[in-house]
Amino acid sequence: MVPSMLSKKNKQSRARLVKRWKDKLQNGAINEGVIWELPEPTADRPHGYKYRLNYTFPSGAYIRYDNGAGKKDHKHLGTSIEPYEFIDVNHLIEDFEQDVLQSGGIL
């Protein structure tokens, strides 16, 4: 394979950054996230997105939504891990923010 063809293939197979943020809030919490659109869906990411949204309270407790390789969509609320039903990126962010607010966080 010639280098120019390899380069074109690599560009096509890369995930596209949809959104990334990191905010240190007035209460000392950290709100951060990254969402990628995959080049194609996978068995554990049939919707075609890879994501990690995390809110860390000053106490060290956290809320996390993620779908690491082989783990499918799920969320961490305190010490519990629950399945998460991914609908779309907007719902993902709204659901995450709702859990943060319900847990006493600020945005």
Protein backbone atom coordinates (compact mmCIF):
# COMPACT_ATOMS: atom_id res chain seq x y z
CA MET A 1 0.00 0.00 0.00
CA VAL A 2 1.42 3.40 -0.94
CA PRO A 3 1.65 6.03 1.82
CA SER A 4 -0.97 8.33 0.27
CA MET A 5 -3.53 5.51 0.24
CA LEU A 6 -2.69 4.59 3.83
CA SER A 7 -3.08 8.21 4.90
CA LYS A 8 -6.50 8.46 3.23
CA LYS A 9 -7.67 5.22 4.86
CA ASN A 10 -6.52 6.37 8.32
CA LYS A 11 -8.39 9.66 7.97
CA GLN A 12 -11.59 7.84 7.03
CA SER A 13 -11.33 5.42 9.94
CA ARG A 14 -10.85 8.05 12.66
CA ALA A 15 -13.53 9.07 15.12
CA ARG A 16 -14.82 12.64 14.82
CA LEU A 17 -14.84 14.83 17.91
CA VAL A 18 -18.41 16.01 18.54
CA LYS A 19 -17.99 17.88 21.82
CA ARG A 20 -15.39 18.33 24.55
CA TRP A 21 -15.49 20.41 27.72
CA LYS A 22 -13.86 20.76 31.12
CA ASP A 23 -15.08 23.26 33.68
CA LYS A 24 -13.95 23.85 37.24
CA LEU A 25 -17.03 25.19 39.00
CA GLN A 26 -17.45 27.68 41.84
CA ASN A 27 -18.25 24.88 44.29
CA GLY A 28 -14.92 23.17 43.48
CA ALA A 29 -16.52 20.44 41.35
CA ILE A 30 -15.17 19.47 37.95
CA ASN A 31 -17.56 18.91 35.04
CA GLU A 32 -15.96 17.36 31.98
CA GLY A 33 -16.89 15.32 28.99
CA VAL A 34 -15.90 14.13 25.56
CA ILE A 35 -18.12 12.68 22.83
CA TRP A 36 -16.81 11.09 19.64
CA GLU A 37 -18.70 9.92 16.57
CA LEU A 38 -17.20 6.64 15.40
CA PRO A 39 -16.56 5.95 11.71
CA GLU A 40 -19.08 3.11 12.00
CA PRO A 41 -21.18 1.45 14.74
CA THR A 42 -19.74 -1.46 16.72
CA ALA A 43 -21.34 -4.33 18.63
CA ASP A 44 -21.01 -2.51 21.97
CA ARG A 45 -21.67 0.96 20.46
CA PRO A 46 -24.47 0.33 17.94
CA HIS A 47 -25.40 4.04 17.91
CA GLY A 48 -21.90 4.92 16.66
CA TYR A 49 -20.77 7.15 19.56
CA LYS A 50 -18.05 6.83 22.17
CA TYR A 51 -18.39 9.07 25.20
CA ARG A 52 -17.30 9.85 28.75
CA LEU A 53 -19.11 12.47 30.83
CA ASN A 54 -17.89 12.98 34.37
CA TYR A 55 -18.85 15.25 37.26
CA THR A 56 -16.58 15.07 40.29
CA PHE A 57 -17.84 16.65 43.51
CA PRO A 58 -15.36 18.32 45.89
CA SER A 59 -15.87 15.33 48.23
CA GLY A 60 -14.50 13.01 45.55
CA ALA A 61 -17.88 11.44 44.76
CA TYR A 62 -18.73 11.39 41.08
CA ILE A 63 -21.33 10.81 38.41
CA ARG A 64 -20.08 9.28 35.19
CA TYR A 65 -21.75 8.25 31.96
CA ASP A 66 -19.54 6.22 29.65
CA ASN A 67 -19.34 3.34 27.22
CA GLY A 68 -15.80 2.03 27.41
CA ALA A 69 -14.84 -0.75 25.03
CA GLY A 70 -16.75 -3.93 25.87
CA LYS A 71 -18.87 -2.26 28.56
CA LYS A 72 -21.82 -0.85 26.59
CA ASP A 73 -23.72 2.25 27.70
CA HIS A 74 -23.91 2.71 31.47
CA LYS A 75 -23.77 5.30 34.23
CA HIS A 76 -22.09 5.46 37.63
CA LEU A 77 -24.16 7.12 40.33
CA GLY A 78 -22.27 7.04 43.60
CA THR A 79 -21.27 3.43 44.11
CA SER A 80 -23.91 1.97 41.76
CA ILE A 81 -23.48 1.21 38.07
CA GLU A 82 -26.66 1.14 35.98
CA PRO A 83 -27.32 0.49 32.30
CA TYR A 84 -28.01 3.61 30.26
CA GLU A 85 -30.29 3.75 27.22
CA PHE A 86 -28.58 5.97 24.65
CA ILE A 87 -31.06 7.85 22.45
CA ASP A 88 -28.92 10.60 20.95
CA VAL A 89 -26.19 13.06 21.96
CA ASN A 90 -28.64 15.75 23.14
CA HIS A 91 -30.48 13.31 25.41
CA LEU A 92 -27.16 12.00 26.73
CA ILE A 93 -26.10 15.47 27.86
CA GLU A 94 -29.56 16.32 29.23
CA ASP A 95 -29.76 13.05 31.23
CA PHE A 96 -26.26 13.57 32.62
CA GLU A 97 -27.00 17.14 33.66
CA GLN A 98 -30.29 16.09 35.26
CA ASP A 99 -28.49 13.45 37.38
CA VAL A 100 -25.87 16.02 38.39
CA LEU A 101 -28.52 18.52 39.50
CA GLN A 102 -30.57 15.86 41.31
CA SER A 103 -27.42 14.84 43.20
CA GLY A 104 -26.82 18.40 44.44
CA GLY A 105 -24.31 19.50 41.82
CA ILE A 106 -24.27 22.82 39.99
CA LEU A 107 -23.65 23.45 36.32
